[in-house]
Amino acid sequence: MKDKKPKILLVGGGTLGSVSPLLAITEQYDADYLFVGTKNGPEKRVVTSKLIEYMWIYSGKLRRYFDWQNFLDIFRVKIAFWQSIWILTKFKPDIVLTAGSFVAVPVVLAAWFLRIPIIAHQQDIKVGLANKLIAPFVNKITVTFEEQKQDFNQKKVVVTGNPVRKLKEESVSKPIVIITGGGLGARGLNTFVSEFIPKLLKKYEVHHILGEINWNQKLYLDGYHPHKFVLNGMMELLSRADIIISRAGISLITEAAFLKKALVLIPMPNTHQEKNAAFLAKHNAALTVKQDSNHVLDRYLSKLLENSKLRDDLGSNLNKLFPKDAVSKYIKLIDEVRKH
């Protein structure tokens, strides 16, 4: 008799960073999936485009500072917990997978209450507050790099690398430069890099992922291609790039590593992204620039435009830094945990 497909509940959202590793799993692991995310986050459009069932719950924000919204969020999280209980009871998953995000907290607590196995993934170098909160309640915690093992219970932590989506087809068209602030775009980054785009256009086409709310920042230049959002084909677009200018979220960095691309990272100021960028810079795996350091970015772009070996070396160093076969390792762990 043929084995019944496992049922897996995925949870994440608010941004696409916590979604991409989960979708990478769905591409190579045959299961019945349900994705739980936020009501208005960008993840719904991406998840449903993959024909995965989607449900939303209320999501609070775990702020480390005083804000009146904190009091409202207490009630949102309580409501979300009972929404999660209902969803889990109805769907009856064999396992819950999350790569962080605030929306995961009530789902993980509900799954723990119902004795459903949970695996949480920590992508970024600095542990997110959501993963700190849920760590005591999960069965296993996977991490991207060996250096992160020290941040968690040694009996739970497993180094898998960061799951990355498959490249469907190699592109052989004209190389490009990609500028992206992530799934939602980044207004500060867009403003900062805009003066350098004419310089890039002397050699490359430029594809700029602005974010829907930042569409008024697009430029009107020959060879410049603005995008509000890339729903499908992001890996294929990245595969064409000679240079990627980006925020420092680990999901995009992982995809660039898989493709051996030269990265210029402009981390979001005063966030965990600065640690990601510093980690890569220490290993000569990316060039990092503080936002508004115009002279530094100008110097780095000049070097990259003129020096193909520098571009190749950065891409190679980045690729070597990331553990290989992350999806295979993650799938093996899923089977071990759900059958335990």
Foldseek 3Di string as FASTA:
>chain_A
DDDDFAEEEEEDFPFCLWPFLVVLLPVPGDHQYEYEYADDTPVVLLCVVVVHHYDYAFFQDDDPDDDPSVVVRVVRLVRLLVVLLVVCVVRVGLEYETADDRSCQSNLVSCLVVVRAYEYEDEFLDGDPRCVNNQVRHQAYEYWAPVNCVVHDVNHYDYQHGRHHDQPDADDDAAAEEEAAGQQADQLSLVQCVVCVVVRVVRHQYEYAHAQVRVVSDDDDPSYHYHNGDSPDPLNNLLRYQEYEYEQRRRVLSSLLVSLWAYEHAHDPPDSSVVSVVVLVVQLQYHYDHRPPNVSVVVVVVCSVVDSVSGNVNSNSSNVRTDPPSSVVVVVVVVVRSVD
